Amino acid sequence: MRRYLTSTEKDLKDFWDDVEKWDEPPGAVPDKVEFGLRQALPDGAVIEQFKVRQTGGGSLGRPRYMAIASWRGGRVVREAKALVPSAWNWAHRNFGSPIRFDDLATGAHRSPDPYLRTRDRFVFRRVAADSRKLDLEADPKQEWDGQRLEAMGFDLAAIHAASVPPHELRKALDAFEDDWLEKASERAAEWVKDDFHEWKKHYKAEK
């Protein structure tokens, strides 16, 4: 996946231009969040300012605080994002179930992020131009291909392999029809679209 994630000079410029657009916090950063952000920065980093940020789709509405600091001749950014229970628990009425974020992020067959920490119901992590998600629409050079699909499948299989013997996974896959993934993806896409339209209808009604 390296060739899809390598940052160009334009990526770097776009990232720091975006940083400048983040809003100044309307009030003081909560003490526990400020402490966590300071702890997340490398030794010797000098904080320039705190900011707030709104981005993404699944985490809109969550408090997100950013610390921008200077360090060894450059600039670094750390983010604190509110940690909330999985929507899976809500959908299955498993209220009160413990949050398993740390278990999933550091579990077997995963490559842990050395900058990722949880503290006081917040996730603290590094934010940078070379620490990002793939954006298929924003970057035309990231055309879909079999190699990327294979890499995604490998990562998913590694997660399952942490608790299920590989031969059992193979047995389960062999029992599916050849086009099972395509059909399942189409159904999932329709569910997401229906859910969005339902949300949009209620959102307009509330406004």
N, C-alpha and C. Protein backbone atom coordinates (compact mmCIF):
# COMPACT_ATOMS: atom_id res chain seq x y z
N MET A 1 0.81 -1.21 0.00
CA MET A 1 0.00 0.00 0.00
C MET A 1 0.85 1.27 0.00
N ARG A 2 2.17 1.12 0.11
CA ARG A 2 3.02 2.30 0.27
C ARG A 2 2.84 3.30 -0.88
N ARG A 3 2.70 2.80 -2.11
CA ARG A 3 2.64 3.72 -3.25
C ARG A 3 1.36 4.56 -3.24
N TYR A 4 0.34 4.10 -2.51
CA TYR A 4 -0.89 4.88 -2.43
C TYR A 4 -0.84 5.94 -1.33
N LEU A 5 0.09 5.78 -0.38
CA LEU A 5 0.11 6.63 0.80
C LEU A 5 1.30 7.57 0.87
N THR A 6 2.26 7.41 -0.03
CA THR A 6 3.42 8.30 -0.02
C THR A 6 2.99 9.74 -0.29
N SER A 7 3.43 10.66 0.56
CA SER A 7 3.02 12.05 0.44
C SER A 7 3.90 12.81 -0.55
N THR A 8 3.26 13.62 -1.38
CA THR A 8 3.97 14.48 -2.31
C THR A 8 4.13 15.87 -1.69
N GLU A 9 4.87 16.73 -2.37
CA GLU A 9 5.01 18.10 -1.90
C GLU A 9 3.65 18.80 -1.84
N LYS A 10 2.79 18.48 -2.81
CA LYS A 10 1.45 19.06 -2.82
C LYS A 10 0.64 18.57 -1.62
N ASP A 11 0.78 17.27 -1.29
CA ASP A 11 0.07 16.73 -0.12
C ASP A 11 0.48 17.47 1.15
N LEU A 12 1.78 17.71 1.28
CA LEU A 12 2.28 18.41 2.46
C LEU A 12 1.73 19.83 2.54
N LYS A 13 1.76 20.53 1.41
CA LYS A 13 1.25 21.91 1.38
C LYS A 13 -0.25 21.93 1.70
N ASP A 14 -1.00 21.02 1.07
CA ASP A 14 -2.44 20.98 1.31
C ASP A 14 -2.75 20.69 2.77
N PHE A 15 -1.96 19.81 3.38
CA PHE A 15 -2.19 19.47 4.78
C PHE A 15 -2.01 20.70 5.67
N TRP A 16 -0.90 21.41 5.53
CA TRP A 16 -0.65 22.55 6.40
C TRP A 16 -1.56 23.73 6.08
N ASP A 17 -1.99 23.84 4.82
CA ASP A 17 -2.99 24.86 4.49
C ASP A 17 -4.30 24.56 5.23
N ASP A 18 -4.61 23.26 5.31
CA ASP A 18 -5.83 22.84 6.01
C ASP A 18 -5.72 23.12 7.51
N VAL A 19 -4.54 22.88 8.06
CA VAL A 19 -4.31 23.14 9.48
C VAL A 19 -4.62 24.61 9.81
N GLU A 20 -4.21 25.52 8.93
CA GLU A 20 -4.43 26.94 9.17
C GLU A 20 -5.92 27.29 9.17
N LYS A 21 -6.74 26.47 8.53
CA LYS A 21 -8.17 26.75 8.44
C LYS A 21 -8.93 26.25 9.65
N TRP A 22 -8.31 25.39 10.45
CA TRP A 22 -9.01 24.90 11.64
C TRP A 22 -9.32 26.06 12.56
N ASP A 23 -10.42 25.96 13.29
CA ASP A 23 -10.90 27.07 14.11
C ASP A 23 -10.17 27.13 15.45
N GLU A 24 -10.05 28.35 15.94
CA GLU A 24 -9.58 28.52 17.30
C GLU A 24 -10.67 28.02 18.25
N PRO A 25 -10.32 27.41 19.36
CA PRO A 25 -11.35 26.90 20.27
C PRO A 25 -12.17 28.04 20.85
N PRO A 26 -13.51 27.86 20.95
CA PRO A 26 -14.37 28.91 21.49
C PRO A 26 -14.10 29.17 22.97
N GLY A 27 -13.54 28.21 23.66
CA GLY A 27 -13.20 28.37 25.07
C GLY A 27 -11.94 27.58 25.36
N ALA A 28 -11.59 27.51 26.61
CA ALA A 28 -10.37 26.80 26.98
C ALA A 28 -10.53 25.31 26.70
N VAL A 29 -9.45 24.69 26.29
CA VAL A 29 -9.44 23.24 26.11
C VAL A 29 -9.58 22.60 27.49
N PRO A 30 -10.44 21.60 27.65
CA PRO A 30 -10.57 20.96 28.97
C PRO A 30 -9.21 20.55 29.52
N ASP A 31 -9.04 20.69 30.82
CA ASP A 31 -7.75 20.43 31.44
C ASP A 31 -7.24 19.02 31.14
N LYS A 32 -8.13 18.03 31.23
CA LYS A 32 -7.68 16.66 31.01
C LYS A 32 -7.26 16.43 29.56
N VAL A 33 -7.91 17.16 28.63
CA VAL A 33 -7.55 17.03 27.23
C VAL A 33 -6.23 17.73 26.95
N GLU A 34 -6.06 18.92 27.52
CA GLU A 34 -4.79 19.63 27.33
C GLU A 34 -3.63 18.81 27.88
N PHE A 35 -3.83 18.19 29.04
CA PHE A 35 -2.77 17.37 29.63
C PHE A 35 -2.45 16.20 28.71
N GLY A 36 -3.48 15.55 28.18
CA GLY A 36 -3.27 14.42 27.29
C GLY A 36 -2.55 14.81 26.01
N LEU A 37 -2.90 15.97 25.45
CA LEU A 37 -2.24 16.44 24.24
C LEU A 37 -0.77 16.75 24.50
N ARG A 38 -0.50 17.35 25.63
CA ARG A 38 0.90 17.64 25.96
C ARG A 38 1.70 16.35 26.13
N GLN A 39 1.08 15.35 26.74
CA GLN A 39 1.74 14.07 26.93
C GLN A 39 1.98 13.35 25.60
N ALA A 40 1.09 13.60 24.62
CA ALA A 40 1.19 12.93 23.33
C ALA A 40 2.29 13.50 22.44
N LEU A 41 2.71 14.72 22.72
CA LEU A 41 3.74 15.37 21.91
C LEU A 41 5.13 14.83 22.26
N PRO A 42 6.06 14.86 21.31
CA PRO A 42 7.42 14.41 21.61
C PRO A 42 8.12 15.33 22.60
N ASP A 43 9.08 14.79 23.32
CA ASP A 43 9.83 15.59 24.30
C ASP A 43 10.48 16.80 23.63
N GLY A 44 10.32 17.95 24.24
CA GLY A 44 10.93 19.16 23.71
C GLY A 44 10.04 19.96 22.78
N ALA A 45 8.86 19.42 22.45
CA ALA A 45 7.95 20.15 21.56
C ALA A 45 7.37 21.36 22.29
N VAL A 46 7.25 22.48 21.58
CA VAL A 46 6.70 23.71 22.15
C VAL A 46 5.37 24.00 21.47
N ILE A 47 4.30 24.00 22.25
CA ILE A 47 2.97 24.20 21.69
C ILE A 47 2.80 25.63 21.19
N GLU A 48 2.36 25.75 19.93
CA GLU A 48 2.08 27.05 19.34
C GLU A 48 0.65 27.49 19.64
N GLN A 49 -0.29 26.55 19.48
CA GLN A 49 -1.69 26.88 19.72
C GLN A 49 -2.54 25.62 19.76
N PHE A 50 -3.72 25.76 20.34
CA PHE A 50 -4.73 24.71 20.32
C PHE A 50 -5.82 25.12 19.34
N LYS A 51 -6.41 24.15 18.67
CA LYS A 51 -7.50 24.43 17.75
C LYS A 51 -8.55 23.33 17.85
N VAL A 52 -9.71 23.60 17.24
CA VAL A 52 -10.75 22.59 17.15
C VAL A 52 -10.93 22.23 15.69
N ARG A 53 -11.49 21.05 15.45
CA ARG A 53 -11.58 20.55 14.09
C ARG A 53 -12.86 19.76 13.91
N GLN A 54 -13.45 19.86 12.73
CA GLN A 54 -14.60 19.04 12.39
C GLN A 54 -14.33 18.42 11.03
N THR A 55 -14.34 17.09 10.99
CA THR A 55 -14.03 16.40 9.73
C THR A 55 -14.59 14.99 9.78
N GLY A 56 -14.51 14.31 8.65
CA GLY A 56 -14.95 12.92 8.60
C GLY A 56 -16.45 12.78 8.49
N GLY A 57 -16.91 11.53 8.45
CA GLY A 57 -18.34 11.27 8.35
C GLY A 57 -18.87 10.57 9.58
N GLY A 58 -18.15 9.56 10.05
CA GLY A 58 -18.63 8.77 11.17
C GLY A 58 -18.45 9.43 12.52
N SER A 59 -17.62 10.46 12.59
CA SER A 59 -17.34 11.07 13.89
C SER A 59 -17.78 12.53 13.97
N LEU A 60 -18.64 12.97 13.07
CA LEU A 60 -19.13 14.34 13.13
C LEU A 60 -19.87 14.57 14.45
N GLY A 61 -19.61 15.70 15.07
CA GLY A 61 -20.26 16.00 16.33
C GLY A 61 -19.42 15.66 17.54
N ARG A 62 -18.39 14.84 17.37
CA ARG A 62 -17.53 14.52 18.50
C ARG A 62 -16.57 15.69 18.76
N PRO A 63 -16.33 16.00 20.03
CA PRO A 63 -15.32 17.03 20.32
C PRO A 63 -13.95 16.57 19.81
N ARG A 64 -13.27 17.45 19.09
CA ARG A 64 -11.93 17.14 18.59
C ARG A 64 -11.05 18.36 18.84
N TYR A 65 -9.99 18.16 19.58
CA TYR A 65 -9.06 19.24 19.89
C TYR A 65 -7.70 18.92 19.30
N MET A 66 -7.02 19.95 18.80
CA MET A 66 -5.73 19.77 18.17
C MET A 66 -4.67 20.61 18.88
N ALA A 67 -3.49 20.06 18.99
CA ALA A 67 -2.34 20.81 19.49
C ALA A 67 -1.32 20.91 18.36
N ILE A 68 -0.99 22.13 17.96
CA ILE A 68 0.03 22.36 16.93
C ILE A 68 1.28 22.84 17.66
N ALA A 69 2.40 22.18 17.42
CA ALA A 69 3.62 22.49 18.15
C ALA A 69 4.82 22.54 17.21
N SER A 70 5.84 23.24 17.62
CA SER A 70 7.11 23.26 16.89
C SER A 70 8.05 22.27 17.56
N TRP A 71 8.83 21.56 16.75
CA TRP A 71 9.71 20.52 17.29
C TRP A 71 10.87 20.26 16.33
N ARG A 72 12.06 20.51 16.79
CA ARG A 72 13.29 20.24 16.03
C ARG A 72 13.26 20.83 14.63
N GLY A 73 12.84 22.07 14.54
CA GLY A 73 12.86 22.78 13.26
C GLY A 73 11.65 22.57 12.39
N GLY A 74 10.69 21.78 12.85
CA GLY A 74 9.47 21.55 12.07
C GLY A 74 8.24 21.72 12.94
N ARG A 75 7.11 21.30 12.42
CA ARG A 75 5.85 21.41 13.16
C ARG A 75 5.20 20.03 13.24
N VAL A 76 4.55 19.76 14.36
CA VAL A 76 3.85 18.50 14.56
C VAL A 76 2.46 18.78 15.09
N VAL A 77 1.56 17.83 14.87
CA VAL A 77 0.17 17.98 15.31
C VAL A 77 -0.28 16.71 16.04
N ARG A 78 -0.99 16.92 17.13
CA ARG A 78 -1.62 15.81 17.86
C ARG A 78 -3.09 16.13 18.02
N GLU A 79 -3.92 15.09 17.95
CA GLU A 79 -5.37 15.26 18.04
C GLU A 79 -5.93 14.49 19.22
N ALA A 80 -6.95 15.06 19.86
CA ALA A 80 -7.72 14.38 20.90
C ALA A 80 -9.16 14.31 20.41
N LYS A 81 -9.66 13.10 20.26
CA LYS A 81 -11.04 12.91 19.78
C LYS A 81 -11.82 12.11 20.81
N ALA A 82 -13.03 12.54 21.10
CA ALA A 82 -13.85 11.87 22.10
C ALA A 82 -14.07 10.41 21.72
N LEU A 83 -13.92 9.54 22.69
CA LEU A 83 -14.10 8.11 22.49
C LEU A 83 -15.51 7.73 22.90
N VAL A 84 -16.26 7.14 21.98
CA VAL A 84 -17.65 6.78 22.25
C VAL A 84 -17.85 5.30 22.00
N PRO A 85 -18.90 4.71 22.59
CA PRO A 85 -19.16 3.28 22.36
C PRO A 85 -19.47 2.99 20.90
N SER A 86 -19.23 1.77 20.49
CA SER A 86 -19.51 1.36 19.12
C SER A 86 -21.00 1.38 18.84
N ALA A 87 -21.37 1.81 17.63
CA ALA A 87 -22.78 1.79 17.23
C ALA A 87 -23.32 0.37 17.19
N TRP A 88 -22.43 -0.61 17.10
CA TRP A 88 -22.86 -2.02 17.13
C TRP A 88 -23.57 -2.32 18.45
N ASN A 89 -23.03 -1.80 19.55
CA ASN A 89 -23.65 -2.02 20.85
C ASN A 89 -25.04 -1.39 20.91
N TRP A 90 -25.16 -0.19 20.35
CA TRP A 90 -26.45 0.49 20.33
C TRP A 90 -27.46 -0.30 19.49
N ALA A 91 -27.04 -0.75 18.31
CA ALA A 91 -27.94 -1.46 17.41
C ALA A 91 -28.40 -2.79 18.01
N HIS A 92 -27.56 -3.41 18.84
CA HIS A 92 -27.90 -4.71 19.43
C HIS A 92 -28.31 -4.60 20.88
N ARG A 93 -28.58 -3.37 21.33
CA ARG A 93 -29.06 -3.11 22.69
C ARG A 93 -28.10 -3.63 23.75
N ASN A 94 -26.81 -3.61 23.44
CA ASN A 94 -25.81 -4.02 24.42
C ASN A 94 -25.33 -2.81 25.22
N PHE A 95 -26.26 -2.14 25.86
CA PHE A 95 -25.92 -0.92 26.59
C PHE A 95 -25.06 -1.26 27.80
N GLY A 96 -24.06 -0.44 28.04
CA GLY A 96 -23.18 -0.69 29.16
C GLY A 96 -22.00 -1.58 28.85
N SER A 97 -21.92 -2.08 27.60
CA SER A 97 -20.79 -2.93 27.23
C SER A 97 -19.51 -2.10 27.22
N PRO A 98 -18.39 -2.68 27.64
CA PRO A 98 -17.14 -1.91 27.67
C PRO A 98 -16.67 -1.53 26.26
N ILE A 99 -16.00 -0.41 26.16
CA ILE A 99 -15.43 0.02 24.89
C ILE A 99 -14.17 -0.79 24.63
N ARG A 100 -14.07 -1.41 23.47
CA ARG A 100 -12.97 -2.31 23.16
C ARG A 100 -11.98 -1.70 22.17
N PHE A 101 -11.92 -0.38 22.16
CA PHE A 101 -11.04 0.30 21.21
C PHE A 101 -9.60 -0.16 21.35
N ASP A 102 -9.08 -0.17 22.57
CA ASP A 102 -7.69 -0.57 22.79
C ASP A 102 -7.45 -2.02 22.39
N ASP A 103 -8.40 -2.88 22.69
CA ASP A 103 -8.26 -4.30 22.34
C ASP A 103 -8.11 -4.48 20.83
N LEU A 104 -8.92 -3.73 20.07
CA LEU A 104 -8.89 -3.85 18.62
C LEU A 104 -7.64 -3.20 18.02
N ALA A 105 -7.25 -2.06 18.57
CA ALA A 105 -6.12 -1.32 18.01
C ALA A 105 -4.79 -1.99 18.29
N THR A 106 -4.71 -2.76 19.37
CA THR A 106 -3.43 -3.37 19.75
C THR A 106 -3.50 -4.89 19.76
N GLY A 107 -4.55 -5.45 19.19
CA GLY A 107 -4.74 -6.90 19.24
C GLY A 107 -3.74 -7.66 18.38
N ALA A 108 -3.80 -8.98 18.52
CA ALA A 108 -2.92 -9.85 17.73
C ALA A 108 -3.15 -9.65 16.24
N HIS A 109 -2.09 -9.80 15.46
CA HIS A 109 -2.13 -9.67 14.00
C HIS A 109 -2.41 -8.23 13.56
N ARG A 110 -2.19 -7.26 14.44
CA ARG A 110 -2.27 -5.86 14.04
C ARG A 110 -0.91 -5.22 14.23
N SER A 111 -0.66 -4.15 13.50
CA SER A 111 0.57 -3.39 13.66
C SER A 111 0.23 -2.14 14.46
N PRO A 112 0.48 -2.14 15.77
CA PRO A 112 0.03 -1.03 16.62
C PRO A 112 0.64 0.31 16.20
N ASP A 113 -0.15 1.36 16.32
CA ASP A 113 0.31 2.72 16.06
C ASP A 113 1.03 3.21 17.32
N PRO A 114 2.31 3.51 17.24
CA PRO A 114 3.06 3.92 18.44
C PRO A 114 2.60 5.26 19.01
N TYR A 115 1.85 6.03 18.24
CA TYR A 115 1.42 7.34 18.71
C TYR A 115 -0.02 7.33 19.24
N LEU A 116 -0.68 6.18 19.18
CA LEU A 116 -2.08 6.09 19.56
C LEU A 116 -2.23 5.76 21.05
N ARG A 117 -3.01 6.59 21.75
CA ARG A 117 -3.26 6.37 23.17
C ARG A 117 -4.71 6.71 23.49
N THR A 118 -5.24 6.10 24.53
CA THR A 118 -6.56 6.49 25.04
C THR A 118 -6.39 6.93 26.49
N ARG A 119 -7.16 7.97 26.85
CA ARG A 119 -7.07 8.50 28.20
C ARG A 119 -8.31 9.34 28.47
N ASP A 120 -8.97 9.08 29.59
CA ASP A 120 -10.12 9.88 30.01
C ASP A 120 -11.17 10.00 28.92
N ARG A 121 -11.46 8.87 28.28
CA ARG A 121 -12.51 8.81 27.24
C ARG A 121 -12.19 9.65 26.01
N PHE A 122 -10.89 9.85 25.74
CA PHE A 122 -10.44 10.51 24.52
C PHE A 122 -9.37 9.65 23.86
N VAL A 123 -9.33 9.72 22.53
CA VAL A 123 -8.28 9.06 21.76
C VAL A 123 -7.27 10.13 21.35
N PHE A 124 -6.01 9.90 21.67
CA PHE A 124 -4.94 10.84 21.30
C PHE A 124 -4.10 10.18 20.20
N ARG A 125 -3.87 10.93 19.12
CA ARG A 125 -3.14 10.35 18.00
C ARG A 125 -2.39 11.42 17.22
N ARG A 126 -1.45 10.95 16.43
CA ARG A 126 -0.68 11.82 15.54
C ARG A 126 -1.51 12.15 14.31
N VAL A 127 -1.45 13.40 13.86
CA VAL A 127 -2.09 13.82 12.62
C VAL A 127 -1.01 14.42 11.73
N ALA A 128 -0.93 13.94 10.50
CA ALA A 128 0.12 14.42 9.59
C ALA A 128 -0.29 14.12 8.15
N ALA A 129 0.44 14.71 7.21
CA ALA A 129 0.15 14.49 5.79
C ALA A 129 0.35 13.04 5.39
N ASP A 130 1.29 12.35 6.07
CA ASP A 130 1.56 10.95 5.73
C ASP A 130 0.88 9.99 6.70
N SER A 131 -0.11 10.50 7.46
CA SER A 131 -0.89 9.67 8.35
C SER A 131 -2.35 9.94 8.04
N ARG A 132 -2.86 9.28 7.02
CA ARG A 132 -4.17 9.64 6.50
C ARG A 132 -4.87 8.43 5.90
N LYS A 133 -6.14 8.62 5.65
CA LYS A 133 -6.92 7.58 4.98
C LYS A 133 -6.82 7.76 3.47
N LEU A 134 -7.06 6.68 2.75
CA LEU A 134 -7.12 6.78 1.30
C LEU A 134 -8.41 7.48 0.89
N ASP A 135 -8.29 8.45 0.01
CA ASP A 135 -9.45 9.18 -0.49
C ASP A 135 -9.54 8.94 -1.99
N LEU A 136 -10.41 8.04 -2.38
CA LEU A 136 -10.48 7.63 -3.78
C LEU A 136 -10.99 8.74 -4.69
N GLU A 137 -11.83 9.62 -4.16
CA GLU A 137 -12.41 10.67 -5.00
C GLU A 137 -11.49 11.87 -5.13
N ALA A 138 -10.77 12.20 -4.05
CA ALA A 138 -9.96 13.42 -4.05
C ALA A 138 -8.66 13.25 -4.83
N ASP A 139 -8.17 12.02 -4.96
CA ASP A 139 -6.87 11.80 -5.60
C ASP A 139 -7.03 10.88 -6.81
N PRO A 140 -7.04 11.44 -8.02
CA PRO A 140 -7.26 10.62 -9.22
C PRO A 140 -6.20 9.56 -9.45
N LYS A 141 -5.01 9.71 -8.87
CA LYS A 141 -3.97 8.72 -9.12
C LYS A 141 -4.24 7.42 -8.37
N GLN A 142 -5.16 7.50 -7.40
CA GLN A 142 -5.48 6.32 -6.61
C GLN A 142 -6.62 5.56 -7.27
N GLU A 143 -6.36 5.00 -8.42
CA GLU A 143 -7.37 4.24 -9.14
C GLU A 143 -7.52 2.86 -8.48
N TRP A 144 -8.75 2.38 -8.51
CA TRP A 144 -9.02 1.08 -7.89
C TRP A 144 -8.30 -0.02 -8.66
N ASP A 145 -7.71 -0.94 -7.95
CA ASP A 145 -7.07 -2.06 -8.62
C ASP A 145 -7.09 -3.28 -7.71
N GLY A 146 -6.74 -4.44 -8.28
CA GLY A 146 -6.77 -5.69 -7.54
C GLY A 146 -5.79 -5.73 -6.39
N GLN A 147 -4.66 -5.05 -6.53
CA GLN A 147 -3.65 -5.07 -5.48
C GLN A 147 -4.19 -4.45 -4.19
N ARG A 148 -4.90 -3.35 -4.32
CA ARG A 148 -5.43 -2.69 -3.13
C ARG A 148 -6.52 -3.56 -2.48
N LEU A 149 -7.37 -4.15 -3.31
CA LEU A 149 -8.42 -5.03 -2.79
C LEU A 149 -7.80 -6.22 -2.06
N GLU A 150 -6.73 -6.77 -2.63
CA GLU A 150 -6.06 -7.90 -1.99
C GLU A 150 -5.46 -7.49 -0.64
N ALA A 151 -4.88 -6.29 -0.57
CA ALA A 151 -4.29 -5.80 0.67
C ALA A 151 -5.36 -5.62 1.74
N MET A 152 -6.53 -5.10 1.36
CA MET A 152 -7.62 -4.93 2.31
C MET A 152 -8.11 -6.28 2.81
N GLY A 153 -8.23 -7.24 1.90
CA GLY A 153 -8.65 -8.58 2.29
C GLY A 153 -7.65 -9.24 3.23
N PHE A 154 -6.36 -9.01 2.96
CA PHE A 154 -5.31 -9.57 3.81
C PHE A 154 -5.42 -9.04 5.23
N ASP A 155 -5.69 -7.75 5.35
CA ASP A 155 -5.80 -7.13 6.67
C ASP A 155 -7.02 -7.66 7.42
N LEU A 156 -8.15 -7.80 6.73
CA LEU A 156 -9.34 -8.34 7.36
C LEU A 156 -9.13 -9.79 7.79
N ALA A 157 -8.48 -10.57 6.92
CA ALA A 157 -8.22 -11.97 7.26
C ALA A 157 -7.31 -12.08 8.47
N ALA A 158 -6.35 -11.16 8.59
CA ALA A 158 -5.44 -11.19 9.73
C ALA A 158 -6.19 -10.95 11.04
N ILE A 159 -7.20 -10.09 10.99
CA ILE A 159 -8.00 -9.82 12.19
C ILE A 159 -8.76 -11.07 12.59
N HIS A 160 -9.39 -11.73 11.62
CA HIS A 160 -10.14 -12.96 11.92
C HIS A 160 -9.21 -14.07 12.40
N ALA A 161 -8.02 -14.11 11.83
CA ALA A 161 -7.07 -15.17 12.18
C ALA A 161 -6.60 -15.07 13.62
N ALA A 162 -6.86 -13.94 14.27
CA ALA A 162 -6.46 -13.79 15.67
C ALA A 162 -7.29 -14.68 16.58
N SER A 163 -8.49 -15.08 16.12
CA SER A 163 -9.36 -15.89 16.97
C SER A 163 -9.89 -17.16 16.30
N VAL A 164 -9.68 -17.27 14.98
CA VAL A 164 -10.19 -18.45 14.25
C VAL A 164 -9.04 -19.10 13.49
N PRO A 165 -8.87 -20.43 13.58
CA PRO A 165 -7.79 -21.10 12.85
C PRO A 165 -7.91 -20.85 11.35
N PRO A 166 -6.80 -20.62 10.66
CA PRO A 166 -6.83 -20.33 9.21
C PRO A 166 -7.59 -21.37 8.40
N HIS A 167 -7.45 -22.66 8.75
CA HIS A 167 -8.14 -23.68 7.96
C HIS A 167 -9.65 -23.56 8.09
N GLU A 168 -10.12 -23.05 9.24
CA GLU A 168 -11.55 -22.83 9.40
C GLU A 168 -12.02 -21.66 8.54
N LEU A 169 -11.19 -20.62 8.44
CA LEU A 169 -11.52 -19.49 7.58
C LEU A 169 -11.61 -19.93 6.13
N ARG A 170 -10.63 -20.74 5.70
CA ARG A 170 -10.64 -21.23 4.33
C ARG A 170 -11.87 -22.08 4.06
N LYS A 171 -12.23 -22.91 5.00
CA LYS A 171 -13.41 -23.76 4.85
C LYS A 171 -14.67 -22.92 4.70
N ALA A 172 -14.78 -21.86 5.50
CA ALA A 172 -15.94 -20.98 5.42
C ALA A 172 -16.00 -20.25 4.09
N LEU A 173 -14.85 -19.78 3.61
CA LEU A 173 -14.82 -19.07 2.32
C LEU A 173 -15.15 -19.99 1.16
N ASP A 174 -14.68 -21.22 1.21
CA ASP A 174 -14.96 -22.17 0.13
C ASP A 174 -16.44 -22.50 0.03
N ALA A 175 -17.16 -22.31 1.12
CA ALA A 175 -18.59 -22.62 1.11
C ALA A 175 -19.42 -21.53 0.44
N PHE A 176 -18.83 -20.34 0.25
CA PHE A 176 -19.55 -19.24 -0.39
C PHE A 176 -19.53 -19.38 -1.90
N GLU A 177 -20.51 -18.74 -2.55
CA GLU A 177 -20.52 -18.68 -4.01
C GLU A 177 -19.43 -17.71 -4.48
N ASP A 178 -19.04 -17.84 -5.74
CA ASP A 178 -17.92 -17.04 -6.26
C ASP A 178 -18.18 -15.54 -6.16
N ASP A 179 -19.43 -15.12 -6.32
CA ASP A 179 -19.73 -13.69 -6.34
C ASP A 179 -20.32 -13.20 -5.02
N TRP A 180 -20.06 -13.92 -3.93
CA TRP A 180 -20.66 -13.55 -2.65
C TRP A 180 -20.23 -12.17 -2.17
N LEU A 181 -18.96 -11.84 -2.39
CA LEU A 181 -18.46 -10.54 -1.91
C LEU A 181 -19.09 -9.39 -2.68
N GLU A 182 -19.21 -9.55 -3.98
CA GLU A 182 -19.82 -8.50 -4.80
C GLU A 182 -21.28 -8.27 -4.38
N LYS A 183 -22.02 -9.37 -4.19
CA LYS A 183 -23.42 -9.23 -3.80
C LYS A 183 -23.55 -8.63 -2.40
N ALA A 184 -22.70 -9.07 -1.49
CA ALA A 184 -22.74 -8.54 -0.13
C ALA A 184 -22.40 -7.05 -0.12
N SER A 185 -21.44 -6.64 -0.95
CA SER A 185 -21.06 -5.23 -1.03
C SER A 185 -22.20 -4.38 -1.57
N GLU A 186 -22.89 -4.90 -2.56
CA GLU A 186 -24.03 -4.17 -3.13
C GLU A 186 -25.14 -4.00 -2.10
N ARG A 187 -25.40 -5.06 -1.32
CA ARG A 187 -26.43 -4.96 -0.28
C ARG A 187 -26.03 -3.95 0.78
N ALA A 188 -24.76 -4.00 1.18
CA ALA A 188 -24.28 -3.07 2.20
C ALA A 188 -24.39 -1.62 1.71
N ALA A 189 -24.07 -1.40 0.43
CA ALA A 189 -24.16 -0.05 -0.13
C ALA A 189 -25.61 0.44 -0.12
N GLU A 190 -26.54 -0.43 -0.43
CA GLU A 190 -27.95 -0.05 -0.42
C GLU A 190 -28.42 0.27 0.99
N TRP A 191 -27.96 -0.52 1.98
CA TRP A 191 -28.33 -0.24 3.37
C TRP A 191 -27.82 1.12 3.81
N VAL A 192 -26.59 1.45 3.43
CA VAL A 192 -26.02 2.75 3.81
C VAL A 192 -26.80 3.89 3.15
N LYS A 193 -27.15 3.73 1.88
CA LYS A 193 -27.91 4.76 1.18
C LYS A 193 -29.29 4.95 1.81
N ASP A 194 -29.96 3.83 2.12
CA ASP A 194 -31.28 3.92 2.75
C ASP A 194 -31.18 4.61 4.12
N ASP A 195 -30.15 4.25 4.87
CA ASP A 195 -29.96 4.86 6.19
C ASP A 195 -29.71 6.35 6.06
N PHE A 196 -28.93 6.75 5.07
CA PHE A 196 -28.64 8.17 4.87
C PHE A 196 -29.90 8.94 4.50
N HIS A 197 -30.69 8.38 3.58
CA HIS A 197 -31.92 9.06 3.17
C HIS A 197 -32.90 9.20 4.34
N GLU A 198 -32.94 8.17 5.19
CA GLU A 198 -33.82 8.23 6.36
C GLU A 198 -33.34 9.32 7.33
N TRP A 199 -32.02 9.38 7.54
CA TRP A 199 -31.46 10.41 8.41
C TRP A 199 -31.72 11.80 7.84
N LYS A 200 -31.54 11.95 6.52
CA LYS A 200 -31.72 13.25 5.87
C LYS A 200 -33.16 13.73 6.02
N LYS A 201 -34.10 12.80 5.92
CA LYS A 201 -35.51 13.15 6.05
C LYS A 201 -35.80 13.70 7.45
N HIS A 202 -35.27 13.03 8.49
CA HIS A 202 -35.50 13.48 9.86
C HIS A 202 -34.73 14.76 10.15
N TYR A 203 -33.54 14.90 9.56
CA TYR A 203 -32.73 16.10 9.77
C TYR A 203 -33.45 17.33 9.25
N LYS A 204 -34.04 17.21 8.05
CA LYS A 204 -34.79 18.33 7.47
C LYS A 204 -36.01 18.66 8.30
N ALA A 205 -36.68 17.60 8.83
CA ALA A 205 -37.88 17.82 9.62
C ALA A 205 -37.56 18.57 10.91
N GLU A 206 -36.41 18.26 11.53
CA GLU A 206 -36.03 18.93 12.77
C GLU A 206 -35.65 20.38 12.54
N LYS A 207 -35.11 20.69 11.36
CA LYS A 207 -34.71 22.07 11.06
C LYS A 207 -35.94 22.92 10.75
